[in-house]
C-alpha cells in the first residue's frame, strides 16, 4: 500500500510521464521520486494504474468504433474526397485501434500469468 506522498507522486507521474516534473508537482525531492520508481511495490501499483487507464481508453475507442467506421464510409463514399485522403483516414483509425487491442491483449495475458504465478 502506498503512503500519501507516494500516491501523490504516482498521480503526478501518470499525468506527466516525467519523474522530475512529477516530483516537483508532488512536492518531493527528485531523488525520492527515483527511489519510488525503483521500489517493486510502487512499480506494481504504477503498472496496475497504467493497465486500468489503458483499459478505459480501449473501451472508449471501442465504443467510438461504429462512429469512426460511419465517418470513414462517408469519406470513402464522398465524390469530393481524394483517394489518398480516403486511404490515409482508413489506415490511421484502424492501425491505432489494432494497436490498442493488441496492447490490451498483451496486458491481459500478463495479468493471467502473474495471477498463475502468485498461486
N, C-alpha and C. Protein backbone atom coordinates (compact mmCIF):
# COMPACT_ATOMS: atom_id res chain seq x y z
N UNK A 1 0.84 -1.18 0.00
CA UNK A 1 0.00 0.00 0.00
C UNK A 1 0.89 1.24 0.00
N UNK A 2 0.55 2.19 -0.86
CA UNK A 2 1.36 3.40 -0.97
C UNK A 2 0.96 4.41 0.11
N UNK A 3 1.97 5.14 0.59
CA UNK A 3 1.66 6.22 1.52
C UNK A 3 1.17 7.44 0.73
N UNK A 4 0.79 8.49 1.46
CA UNK A 4 0.20 9.67 0.82
C UNK A 4 1.17 10.31 -0.19
N UNK A 5 2.44 10.44 0.19
CA UNK A 5 3.43 11.07 -0.71
C UNK A 5 3.65 10.23 -1.96
N UNK A 6 3.71 8.92 -1.79
CA UNK A 6 3.88 8.04 -2.95
C UNK A 6 2.66 8.13 -3.88
N UNK A 7 1.48 8.15 -3.29
CA UNK A 7 0.26 8.24 -4.08
C UNK A 7 0.21 9.56 -4.86
N UNK A 8 0.60 10.65 -4.21
CA UNK A 8 0.63 11.96 -4.87
C UNK A 8 1.62 11.94 -6.04
N UNK A 9 2.79 11.39 -5.80
CA UNK A 9 3.78 11.29 -6.87
C UNK A 9 3.27 10.41 -8.00
N UNK A 10 2.65 9.30 -7.65
CA UNK A 10 2.11 8.38 -8.66
C UNK A 10 1.11 9.12 -9.56
N UNK A 11 0.21 9.85 -8.95
CA UNK A 11 -0.80 10.60 -9.72
C UNK A 11 -0.13 11.60 -10.65
N UNK A 12 0.83 12.33 -10.14
CA UNK A 12 1.55 13.32 -10.95
C UNK A 12 2.36 12.65 -12.06
N UNK A 13 2.98 11.53 -11.73
CA UNK A 13 3.80 10.81 -12.71
C UNK A 13 2.94 10.24 -13.84
N UNK A 14 1.78 9.71 -13.48
CA UNK A 14 0.87 9.19 -14.51
C UNK A 14 0.41 10.31 -15.44
N UNK A 15 0.20 11.49 -14.90
CA UNK A 15 -0.27 12.62 -15.70
C UNK A 15 0.82 13.18 -16.61
N UNK A 16 2.06 13.20 -16.12
CA UNK A 16 3.12 13.85 -16.90
C UNK A 16 4.06 12.88 -17.61
N UNK A 17 4.28 11.71 -17.02
CA UNK A 17 5.23 10.76 -17.59
C UNK A 17 6.67 11.17 -17.38
N UNK A 18 6.88 12.21 -16.59
CA UNK A 18 8.22 12.75 -16.36
C UNK A 18 8.49 12.76 -14.85
N UNK A 19 9.51 12.03 -14.42
CA UNK A 19 9.78 11.88 -12.99
C UNK A 19 10.16 13.21 -12.34
N UNK A 20 10.97 14.01 -13.00
CA UNK A 20 11.39 15.29 -12.42
C UNK A 20 10.21 16.23 -12.25
N UNK A 21 9.42 16.36 -13.30
CA UNK A 21 8.24 17.23 -13.24
C UNK A 21 7.25 16.73 -12.19
N UNK A 22 7.02 15.42 -12.17
CA UNK A 22 6.09 14.84 -11.21
C UNK A 22 6.57 15.04 -9.78
N UNK A 23 7.88 14.93 -9.55
CA UNK A 23 8.43 15.14 -8.21
C UNK A 23 8.17 16.56 -7.75
N UNK A 24 8.40 17.53 -8.62
CA UNK A 24 8.16 18.93 -8.27
C UNK A 24 6.68 19.16 -7.97
N UNK A 25 5.81 18.61 -8.81
CA UNK A 25 4.37 18.78 -8.60
C UNK A 25 3.90 18.10 -7.31
N UNK A 26 4.54 17.00 -6.95
CA UNK A 26 4.15 16.26 -5.75
C UNK A 26 4.82 16.81 -4.49
N UNK A 27 5.76 17.73 -4.69
CA UNK A 27 6.44 18.32 -3.54
C UNK A 27 7.45 17.41 -2.88
N UNK A 28 8.10 16.57 -3.67
CA UNK A 28 9.14 15.68 -3.13
C UNK A 28 10.44 15.91 -3.90
N UNK A 29 11.54 15.44 -3.33
CA UNK A 29 12.84 15.54 -3.99
C UNK A 29 12.88 14.59 -5.19
N UNK A 30 13.63 14.98 -6.19
CA UNK A 30 13.78 14.14 -7.38
C UNK A 30 14.41 12.80 -6.99
N UNK A 31 15.35 12.84 -6.06
CA UNK A 31 15.99 11.58 -5.61
C UNK A 31 14.96 10.65 -4.96
N UNK A 32 14.00 11.22 -4.25
CA UNK A 32 12.94 10.41 -3.65
C UNK A 32 12.06 9.80 -4.74
N UNK A 33 11.79 10.58 -5.77
CA UNK A 33 10.98 10.07 -6.88
C UNK A 33 11.65 8.85 -7.50
N UNK A 34 12.95 8.93 -7.71
CA UNK A 34 13.64 7.79 -8.32
C UNK A 34 13.72 6.59 -7.37
N UNK A 35 13.73 6.85 -6.08
CA UNK A 35 13.66 5.74 -5.11
C UNK A 35 12.30 5.05 -5.23
N UNK A 36 11.24 5.87 -5.35
CA UNK A 36 9.91 5.29 -5.53
C UNK A 36 9.86 4.44 -6.80
N UNK A 37 10.41 4.99 -7.87
CA UNK A 37 10.37 4.27 -9.15
C UNK A 37 11.18 2.98 -9.13
N UNK A 38 12.13 2.88 -8.20
CA UNK A 38 12.93 1.65 -8.07
C UNK A 38 12.28 0.65 -7.12
N UNK A 39 11.24 1.07 -6.41
CA UNK A 39 10.57 0.22 -5.43
C UNK A 39 9.60 -0.73 -6.12
N UNK A 40 9.73 -2.05 -5.89
CA UNK A 40 8.85 -3.02 -6.55
C UNK A 40 7.36 -2.81 -6.24
N UNK A 41 7.04 -2.44 -5.01
CA UNK A 41 5.63 -2.23 -4.66
C UNK A 41 5.07 -1.01 -5.40
N UNK A 42 5.88 0.04 -5.47
CA UNK A 42 5.45 1.23 -6.20
C UNK A 42 5.25 0.89 -7.68
N UNK A 43 6.19 0.16 -8.24
CA UNK A 43 6.10 -0.22 -9.65
C UNK A 43 4.90 -1.10 -9.93
N UNK A 44 4.56 -1.95 -8.99
CA UNK A 44 3.38 -2.80 -9.17
C UNK A 44 2.12 -1.93 -9.24
N UNK A 45 2.04 -0.94 -8.38
CA UNK A 45 0.88 -0.03 -8.39
C UNK A 45 0.88 0.83 -9.65
N UNK A 46 2.04 1.29 -10.07
CA UNK A 46 2.16 2.06 -11.30
C UNK A 46 1.67 1.23 -12.50
N UNK A 47 2.10 0.00 -12.56
CA UNK A 47 1.67 -0.89 -13.64
C UNK A 47 0.16 -1.13 -13.60
N UNK A 48 -0.36 -1.35 -12.40
CA UNK A 48 -1.80 -1.57 -12.25
C UNK A 48 -2.58 -0.35 -12.74
N UNK A 49 -2.13 0.83 -12.36
CA UNK A 49 -2.82 2.06 -12.79
C UNK A 49 -2.74 2.24 -14.31
N UNK A 50 -1.61 1.91 -14.88
CA UNK A 50 -1.47 2.02 -16.33
C UNK A 50 -2.41 1.06 -17.05
N UNK A 51 -2.54 -0.13 -16.52
CA UNK A 51 -3.46 -1.11 -17.11
C UNK A 51 -4.89 -0.60 -17.04
N UNK A 52 -5.27 -0.06 -15.89
CA UNK A 52 -6.62 0.48 -15.73
C UNK A 52 -6.88 1.58 -16.76
N UNK A 53 -5.93 2.50 -16.90
CA UNK A 53 -6.10 3.61 -17.85
C UNK A 53 -6.14 3.11 -19.29
N UNK A 54 -5.32 2.14 -19.60
CA UNK A 54 -5.32 1.59 -20.95
C UNK A 54 -6.65 0.89 -21.25
N UNK A 55 -7.16 0.19 -20.28
CA UNK A 55 -8.46 -0.48 -20.48
C UNK A 55 -9.58 0.54 -20.68
N UNK A 56 -9.54 1.64 -19.92
CA UNK A 56 -10.54 2.69 -20.10
C UNK A 56 -10.45 3.29 -21.50
N UNK A 57 -9.22 3.57 -21.92
CA UNK A 57 -9.03 4.16 -23.25
C UNK A 57 -9.48 3.21 -24.35
N UNK A 58 -9.15 1.95 -24.19
CA UNK A 58 -9.53 0.95 -25.18
C UNK A 58 -11.05 0.81 -25.23
N UNK A 59 -11.68 0.80 -24.08
CA UNK A 59 -13.14 0.71 -24.05
C UNK A 59 -13.77 1.92 -24.73
N UNK A 60 -13.20 3.09 -24.49
CA UNK A 60 -13.71 4.30 -25.14
C UNK A 60 -13.56 4.20 -26.65
N UNK A 61 -12.37 3.80 -27.10
CA UNK A 61 -12.15 3.66 -28.54
C UNK A 61 -13.10 2.63 -29.15
N UNK A 62 -13.30 1.55 -28.44
CA UNK A 62 -14.23 0.53 -28.94
C UNK A 62 -15.63 1.09 -29.05
N UNK A 63 -16.02 1.92 -28.09
CA UNK A 63 -17.37 2.49 -28.13
C UNK A 63 -17.53 3.47 -29.28
N UNK A 64 -16.45 4.03 -29.76
CA UNK A 64 -16.50 5.01 -30.86
C UNK A 64 -16.21 4.38 -32.22
N UNK A 65 -15.92 3.10 -32.23
CA UNK A 65 -15.57 2.45 -33.49
C UNK A 65 -16.68 2.55 -34.53
N UNK A 66 -17.91 2.38 -34.09
CA UNK A 66 -19.04 2.47 -35.03
C UNK A 66 -19.09 3.86 -35.66
N UNK A 67 -18.95 4.89 -34.85
CA UNK A 67 -18.97 6.26 -35.37
C UNK A 67 -17.81 6.50 -36.32
N UNK A 68 -16.64 6.02 -35.95
CA UNK A 68 -15.47 6.17 -36.83
C UNK A 68 -15.68 5.44 -38.15
N UNK A 69 -16.24 4.26 -38.04
CA UNK A 69 -16.50 3.48 -39.25
C UNK A 69 -17.49 4.20 -40.15
N UNK A 70 -18.53 4.77 -39.57
CA UNK A 70 -19.51 5.51 -40.36
C UNK A 70 -18.88 6.74 -41.00
N UNK A 71 -18.01 7.43 -40.27
CA UNK A 71 -17.32 8.59 -40.83
C UNK A 71 -16.41 8.17 -41.98
N UNK A 72 -15.69 7.09 -41.76
CA UNK A 72 -14.82 6.59 -42.83
C UNK A 72 -15.61 6.20 -44.07
N UNK A 73 -16.72 5.55 -43.87
CA UNK A 73 -17.56 5.17 -45.01
C UNK A 73 -18.02 6.43 -45.73
N UNK A 74 -18.38 7.46 -44.96
CA UNK A 74 -18.77 8.73 -45.56
C UNK A 74 -17.65 9.34 -46.39
N UNK A 75 -16.43 9.27 -45.85
CA UNK A 75 -15.26 9.79 -46.58
C UNK A 75 -15.02 8.95 -47.83
N UNK A 76 -15.10 7.65 -47.67
CA UNK A 76 -14.86 6.74 -48.79
C UNK A 76 -15.90 6.97 -49.89
N UNK A 77 -17.14 7.16 -49.50
CA UNK A 77 -18.22 7.30 -50.48
C UNK A 77 -18.34 8.70 -51.06
N UNK A 78 -17.68 9.65 -50.44
CA UNK A 78 -17.75 11.03 -50.93
C UNK A 78 -17.01 11.17 -52.26
N UNK A 79 -17.67 11.80 -53.19
CA UNK A 79 -17.05 12.01 -54.50
C UNK A 79 -16.04 13.15 -54.47
N UNK A 80 -16.07 13.97 -53.41
CA UNK A 80 -15.17 15.13 -53.35
C UNK A 80 -13.88 14.85 -52.58
N UNK A 81 -13.81 13.71 -51.91
CA UNK A 81 -12.61 13.36 -51.14
C UNK A 81 -11.62 12.64 -52.04
N UNK A 82 -10.36 13.07 -51.95
CA UNK A 82 -9.34 12.43 -52.78
C UNK A 82 -9.07 11.01 -52.30
N UNK A 83 -8.59 10.20 -53.19
CA UNK A 83 -8.30 8.80 -52.86
C UNK A 83 -7.25 8.69 -51.77
N UNK A 84 -6.24 9.54 -51.81
CA UNK A 84 -5.17 9.46 -50.81
C UNK A 84 -5.69 9.80 -49.41
N UNK A 85 -6.61 10.77 -49.31
CA UNK A 85 -7.19 11.12 -48.02
C UNK A 85 -8.04 9.96 -47.50
N UNK A 86 -8.76 9.34 -48.39
CA UNK A 86 -9.59 8.20 -48.00
C UNK A 86 -8.73 7.07 -47.43
N UNK A 87 -7.70 6.74 -48.14
CA UNK A 87 -6.82 5.65 -47.70
C UNK A 87 -6.13 5.99 -46.39
N UNK A 88 -5.64 7.21 -46.26
CA UNK A 88 -4.94 7.61 -45.03
C UNK A 88 -5.87 7.58 -43.83
N UNK A 89 -7.10 8.04 -43.99
CA UNK A 89 -8.05 8.02 -42.88
C UNK A 89 -8.31 6.59 -42.42
N UNK A 90 -8.51 5.72 -43.34
CA UNK A 90 -8.77 4.32 -43.00
C UNK A 90 -7.56 3.70 -42.29
N UNK A 91 -6.39 3.91 -42.83
CA UNK A 91 -5.19 3.33 -42.22
C UNK A 91 -4.94 3.87 -40.81
N UNK A 92 -5.15 5.15 -40.61
CA UNK A 92 -4.90 5.76 -39.31
C UNK A 92 -5.82 5.20 -38.23
N UNK A 93 -7.10 5.22 -38.49
CA UNK A 93 -8.05 4.77 -37.48
C UNK A 93 -7.87 3.29 -37.17
N UNK A 94 -7.79 2.47 -38.18
CA UNK A 94 -7.71 1.04 -37.92
C UNK A 94 -6.36 0.61 -37.35
N UNK A 95 -5.28 1.24 -37.75
CA UNK A 95 -3.99 0.85 -37.18
C UNK A 95 -3.91 1.25 -35.71
N UNK A 96 -4.45 2.43 -35.35
CA UNK A 96 -4.47 2.83 -33.94
C UNK A 96 -5.35 1.90 -33.12
N UNK A 97 -6.48 1.55 -33.64
CA UNK A 97 -7.38 0.65 -32.92
C UNK A 97 -6.73 -0.73 -32.77
N UNK A 98 -6.12 -1.19 -33.82
CA UNK A 98 -5.47 -2.51 -33.77
C UNK A 98 -4.37 -2.54 -32.71
N UNK A 99 -3.56 -1.47 -32.63
CA UNK A 99 -2.50 -1.41 -31.62
C UNK A 99 -3.09 -1.42 -30.21
N UNK A 100 -4.17 -0.69 -30.01
CA UNK A 100 -4.79 -0.65 -28.68
C UNK A 100 -5.31 -2.03 -28.29
N UNK A 101 -5.93 -2.72 -29.21
CA UNK A 101 -6.44 -4.07 -28.93
C UNK A 101 -5.27 -5.01 -28.63
N UNK A 102 -4.19 -4.90 -29.40
CA UNK A 102 -3.03 -5.75 -29.15
C UNK A 102 -2.45 -5.51 -27.76
N UNK A 103 -2.36 -4.24 -27.36
CA UNK A 103 -1.83 -3.92 -26.03
C UNK A 103 -2.72 -4.49 -24.94
N UNK A 104 -4.00 -4.34 -25.11
CA UNK A 104 -4.93 -4.87 -24.12
C UNK A 104 -4.81 -6.39 -24.02
N UNK A 105 -4.66 -7.04 -25.16
CA UNK A 105 -4.49 -8.49 -25.17
C UNK A 105 -3.21 -8.89 -24.43
N UNK A 106 -2.12 -8.19 -24.68
CA UNK A 106 -0.85 -8.49 -24.02
C UNK A 106 -0.96 -8.27 -22.52
N UNK A 107 -1.58 -7.15 -22.13
CA UNK A 107 -1.74 -6.88 -20.70
C UNK A 107 -2.62 -7.93 -20.02
N UNK A 108 -3.64 -8.38 -20.70
CA UNK A 108 -4.49 -9.44 -20.16
C UNK A 108 -3.72 -10.73 -19.96
N UNK A 109 -2.88 -11.05 -20.93
CA UNK A 109 -2.07 -12.27 -20.81
C UNK A 109 -1.07 -12.16 -19.67
N UNK A 110 -0.44 -10.97 -19.54
CA UNK A 110 0.49 -10.76 -18.43
C UNK A 110 -0.21 -10.88 -17.09
N UNK A 111 -1.39 -10.30 -17.00
CA UNK A 111 -2.17 -10.37 -15.77
C UNK A 111 -2.47 -11.83 -15.42
N UNK A 112 -2.88 -12.61 -16.41
CA UNK A 112 -3.17 -14.03 -16.17
C UNK A 112 -1.92 -14.78 -15.72
N UNK A 113 -0.78 -14.48 -16.34
CA UNK A 113 0.47 -15.13 -15.94
C UNK A 113 0.85 -14.75 -14.50
N UNK A 114 0.69 -13.48 -14.16
CA UNK A 114 1.03 -13.05 -12.82
C UNK A 114 0.11 -13.70 -11.78
N UNK A 115 -1.17 -13.82 -12.09
CA UNK A 115 -2.10 -14.49 -11.17
C UNK A 115 -1.73 -15.95 -10.99
N UNK A 116 -1.39 -16.60 -12.10
CA UNK A 116 -1.00 -18.01 -12.03
C UNK A 116 0.29 -18.16 -11.22
N UNK A 117 1.22 -17.24 -11.41
CA UNK A 117 2.49 -17.28 -10.72
C UNK A 117 2.33 -17.07 -9.21
N UNK A 118 1.36 -16.25 -8.81
CA UNK A 118 1.17 -15.94 -7.40
C UNK A 118 0.41 -17.03 -6.65
N UNK A 119 -0.12 -18.01 -7.34
CA UNK A 119 -0.88 -19.09 -6.69
C UNK A 119 0.02 -20.18 -6.19
